[in-house]
C-alpha atoms as a PDB file:
ATOM      1  CA  MET A   1     -67.773-110.486 102.171  1.00  0.00           C
ATOM      2  CA  VAL A   2     -64.385-109.660 103.902  1.00  0.00           C
ATOM      3  CA  GLY A   3     -64.609-106.279 102.572  1.00  0.00           C
ATOM      4  CA  ILE A   4     -68.260-106.351 104.536  1.00  0.00           C
ATOM      5  CA  VAL A   5     -66.711-107.969 108.104  1.00  0.00           C
ATOM      6  CA  VAL A   6     -63.235-105.040 107.800  1.00  0.00           C
ATOM      7  CA  SER A   7     -66.276-102.133 106.823  1.00  0.00           C
ATOM      8  CA  ALA A   8     -69.020-103.720 110.410  1.00  0.00           C
ATOM      9  CA  ALA A   9     -65.546-103.826 112.729  1.00  0.00           C
ATOM     10  CA  LEU A  10     -64.140-100.188 111.577  1.00  0.00           C
ATOM     11  CA  GLY A  11     -67.959 -98.804 112.116  1.00  0.00           C
ATOM     12  CA  ILE A  12     -68.754-100.376 114.558  1.00  0.00           C
ATOM     13  CA  THR A  13     -64.754 -98.589 116.497  1.00  0.00           C
ATOM     14  CA  ALA A  14     -65.060 -95.861 115.476  1.00  0.00           C
ATOM     15  CA  GLY A  15     -66.874 -94.171 116.971  1.00  0.00           C
ATOM     16  CA  PRO A  16     -66.143 -94.744 120.315  1.00  0.00           C
ATOM     17  CA  LEU A  17     -62.563 -93.614 118.332  1.00  0.00           C
ATOM     18  CA  ALA A  18     -63.698 -90.698 117.183  1.00  0.00           C
ATOM     19  CA  ASP A  19     -65.400 -89.918 120.395  1.00  0.00           C
ATOM     20  CA  LEU A  20     -61.670 -90.957 122.992  1.00  0.00           C
ATOM     21  CA  LEU A  21     -60.458 -88.152 120.142  1.00  0.00           C
ATOM     22  CA  GLY A  22     -63.023 -85.848 120.647  1.00  0.00           C
ATOM     23  CA  ILE A  23     -61.931 -86.058 124.370  1.00  0.00           C
ATOM     24  CA  ALA A  24     -58.415 -86.434 123.652  1.00  0.00           C
ATOM     25  CA  ALA A  25     -59.118 -82.814 122.231  1.00  0.00           C
ATOM     26  CA  SER A  26     -61.135 -81.228 124.730  1.00  0.00           C
ATOM     27  CA  ASN A  27     -58.832 -81.420 127.276  1.00  0.00           C
ATOM     28  CA  VAL A  28     -55.743 -80.795 125.292  1.00  0.00           C
ATOM     29  CA  GLY A  29     -57.734 -77.570 124.988  1.00  0.00           C
ATOM     30  CA  LEU A  30     -59.059 -78.078 121.432  1.00  0.00           C
ATOM     31  CA  PRO A  31     -62.025 -77.401 120.244  1.00  0.00           C
END
């Protein structure tokens, strides 16, 4: 049950984190 909650939290935060990483990479000039 804890694993489900953790995986759900990771799923919710993975999107925004990926977006932030993508924005940072584009700011640096990486593809």
